[in-house]
Amino acid sequence: MTKGLSVIGPRPVTLEETYEYGDAREEVLACKPGITGWWAATDRNDSTWESGQRQAREL
């Protein structure tokens, strides 16, 4: 695993939250995490875990 953070990348999440990514969980865990994610930079207030939009934006 690579140390450090990139500027844009999947935001670090808890172990439990990684399961919200479903089949893409391993893909997210393989990415270098970011200080801010695409989700936060584009539509933070309009994307939710429940709708699946946050996960889609991060991927």
N, C-alpha and C. Protein backbone atom coordinates (compact mmCIF):
# COMPACT_ATOMS: atom_id res chain seq x y z
N MET A 1 0.84 -1.18 0.00
CA MET A 1 0.00 0.00 0.00
C MET A 1 0.89 1.24 0.00
N THR A 2 0.52 2.23 -0.79
CA THR A 2 1.27 3.47 -0.89
C THR A 2 0.96 4.37 0.29
N LYS A 3 1.98 5.02 0.82
CA LYS A 3 1.77 5.95 1.93
C LYS A 3 1.43 7.33 1.41
N GLY A 4 0.80 8.13 2.25
CA GLY A 4 0.50 9.51 1.91
C GLY A 4 -0.84 9.66 1.21
N LEU A 5 -1.14 10.92 0.90
CA LEU A 5 -2.40 11.25 0.25
C LEU A 5 -2.13 11.95 -1.07
N SER A 6 -3.04 11.75 -2.02
CA SER A 6 -3.00 12.56 -3.23
C SER A 6 -3.92 13.75 -2.99
N VAL A 7 -3.96 14.70 -3.89
CA VAL A 7 -4.85 15.85 -3.71
C VAL A 7 -6.29 15.43 -3.98
N ILE A 8 -6.53 14.81 -5.14
CA ILE A 8 -7.88 14.32 -5.48
C ILE A 8 -7.82 12.81 -5.50
N GLY A 9 -8.70 12.18 -4.77
CA GLY A 9 -8.76 10.73 -4.71
C GLY A 9 -9.89 10.34 -3.78
N PRO A 10 -10.20 9.07 -3.68
CA PRO A 10 -11.28 8.66 -2.78
C PRO A 10 -10.98 9.13 -1.36
N ARG A 11 -11.95 9.77 -0.73
CA ARG A 11 -11.76 10.23 0.64
C ARG A 11 -11.59 9.02 1.55
N PRO A 12 -10.70 9.10 2.53
CA PRO A 12 -10.58 8.00 3.48
C PRO A 12 -11.92 7.77 4.19
N VAL A 13 -12.31 6.52 4.28
CA VAL A 13 -13.58 6.17 4.93
C VAL A 13 -13.32 5.08 5.95
N THR A 14 -14.29 4.81 6.80
CA THR A 14 -14.17 3.75 7.79
C THR A 14 -14.27 2.39 7.11
N LEU A 15 -13.85 1.37 7.80
CA LEU A 15 -13.94 0.00 7.27
C LEU A 15 -15.39 -0.33 6.89
N GLU A 16 -16.32 0.04 7.74
CA GLU A 16 -17.73 -0.25 7.47
C GLU A 16 -18.20 0.45 6.19
N GLU A 17 -17.74 1.69 5.99
CA GLU A 17 -18.15 2.44 4.80
C GLU A 17 -17.60 1.85 3.51
N THR A 18 -16.49 1.14 3.57
CA THR A 18 -15.95 0.54 2.34
C THR A 18 -16.93 -0.45 1.73
N TYR A 19 -17.77 -1.04 2.55
CA TYR A 19 -18.74 -2.01 2.03
C TYR A 19 -19.87 -1.33 1.24
N GLU A 20 -20.01 -0.01 1.37
CA GLU A 20 -20.99 0.74 0.60
C GLU A 20 -20.63 0.75 -0.89
N TYR A 21 -19.38 0.41 -1.22
CA TYR A 21 -18.93 0.39 -2.61
C TYR A 21 -19.25 -0.93 -3.31
N GLY A 22 -19.80 -1.90 -2.58
CA GLY A 22 -20.20 -3.17 -3.18
C GLY A 22 -19.06 -3.86 -3.91
N ASP A 23 -19.30 -4.26 -5.16
CA ASP A 23 -18.31 -4.98 -5.94
C ASP A 23 -17.06 -4.15 -6.25
N ALA A 24 -17.16 -2.84 -6.12
CA ALA A 24 -16.03 -1.95 -6.41
C ALA A 24 -15.17 -1.68 -5.18
N ARG A 25 -15.45 -2.35 -4.07
CA ARG A 25 -14.72 -2.12 -2.81
C ARG A 25 -13.21 -2.29 -3.00
N GLU A 26 -12.79 -3.35 -3.63
CA GLU A 26 -11.36 -3.59 -3.82
C GLU A 26 -10.71 -2.52 -4.68
N GLU A 27 -11.45 -2.02 -5.66
CA GLU A 27 -10.94 -0.95 -6.53
C GLU A 27 -10.68 0.32 -5.71
N VAL A 28 -11.61 0.67 -4.85
CA VAL A 28 -11.45 1.85 -4.00
C VAL A 28 -10.27 1.67 -3.05
N LEU A 29 -10.16 0.50 -2.46
CA LEU A 29 -9.07 0.25 -1.51
C LEU A 29 -7.70 0.24 -2.20
N ALA A 30 -7.67 -0.02 -3.50
CA ALA A 30 -6.41 -0.05 -4.25
C ALA A 30 -5.93 1.35 -4.64
N CYS A 31 -6.82 2.35 -4.56
CA CYS A 31 -6.48 3.72 -4.95
C CYS A 31 -5.82 4.46 -3.79
N LYS A 32 -4.91 5.35 -4.14
CA LYS A 32 -4.31 6.22 -3.14
C LYS A 32 -5.38 7.21 -2.69
N PRO A 33 -5.66 7.30 -1.38
CA PRO A 33 -6.70 8.21 -0.91
C PRO A 33 -6.32 9.66 -1.13
N GLY A 34 -7.32 10.52 -1.18
CA GLY A 34 -7.07 11.93 -1.44
C GLY A 34 -7.47 12.84 -0.30
N ILE A 35 -6.92 14.03 -0.33
CA ILE A 35 -7.30 15.05 0.65
C ILE A 35 -8.75 15.45 0.41
N THR A 36 -9.13 15.53 -0.85
CA THR A 36 -10.52 15.78 -1.21
C THR A 36 -10.88 14.86 -2.37
N GLY A 37 -12.10 14.40 -2.39
CA GLY A 37 -12.53 13.51 -3.45
C GLY A 37 -13.30 14.24 -4.52
N TRP A 38 -13.49 13.58 -5.66
CA TRP A 38 -14.26 14.17 -6.75
C TRP A 38 -15.67 14.48 -6.26
N TRP A 39 -16.20 13.61 -5.44
CA TRP A 39 -17.53 13.80 -4.86
C TRP A 39 -17.60 15.12 -4.09
N ALA A 40 -16.61 15.39 -3.26
CA ALA A 40 -16.62 16.61 -2.45
C ALA A 40 -16.40 17.86 -3.30
N ALA A 41 -15.63 17.73 -4.36
CA ALA A 41 -15.31 18.88 -5.20
C ALA A 41 -16.44 19.24 -6.16
N THR A 42 -17.32 18.29 -6.47
CA THR A 42 -18.33 18.56 -7.49
C THR A 42 -19.74 18.76 -6.93
N ASP A 43 -20.21 17.83 -6.13
CA ASP A 43 -21.60 17.96 -5.66
C ASP A 43 -21.79 17.36 -4.28
N ARG A 44 -21.00 17.78 -3.36
CA ARG A 44 -20.98 17.27 -1.99
C ARG A 44 -22.37 17.18 -1.36
N ASN A 45 -23.17 18.23 -1.47
CA ASN A 45 -24.47 18.24 -0.80
C ASN A 45 -25.56 17.50 -1.55
N ASP A 46 -25.31 17.15 -2.81
CA ASP A 46 -26.34 16.49 -3.61
C ASP A 46 -26.13 14.98 -3.76
N SER A 47 -25.00 14.47 -3.29
CA SER A 47 -24.71 13.04 -3.40
C SER A 47 -24.74 12.40 -2.02
N THR A 48 -25.39 11.26 -1.91
CA THR A 48 -25.50 10.58 -0.63
C THR A 48 -25.09 9.12 -0.75
N TRP A 49 -24.75 8.51 0.38
CA TRP A 49 -24.47 7.08 0.41
C TRP A 49 -25.72 6.31 -0.02
N GLU A 50 -26.88 6.75 0.49
CA GLU A 50 -28.12 6.03 0.26
C GLU A 50 -28.48 5.96 -1.23
N SER A 51 -28.23 7.04 -1.96
CA SER A 51 -28.57 7.05 -3.39
C SER A 51 -27.50 6.35 -4.24
N GLY A 52 -26.31 6.16 -3.67
CA GLY A 52 -25.21 5.55 -4.41
C GLY A 52 -24.42 6.57 -5.22
N GLN A 53 -24.84 7.83 -5.20
CA GLN A 53 -24.16 8.86 -5.99
C GLN A 53 -22.77 9.16 -5.45
N ARG A 54 -22.61 9.15 -4.12
CA ARG A 54 -21.28 9.42 -3.57
C ARG A 54 -20.28 8.37 -4.04
N GLN A 55 -20.66 7.11 -3.95
CA GLN A 55 -19.77 6.04 -4.36
C GLN A 55 -19.43 6.16 -5.84
N ALA A 56 -20.43 6.45 -6.66
CA ALA A 56 -20.21 6.58 -8.10
C ALA A 56 -19.24 7.72 -8.40
N ARG A 57 -19.37 8.84 -7.73
CA ARG A 57 -18.48 9.98 -7.96
C ARG A 57 -17.04 9.63 -7.54
N GLU A 58 -16.89 8.96 -6.42
CA GLU A 58 -15.55 8.60 -5.95
C GLU A 58 -14.88 7.62 -6.90
N LEU A 59 -15.64 6.70 -7.46
CA LEU A 59 -15.05 5.74 -8.40
C LEU A 59 -14.68 6.43 -9.69
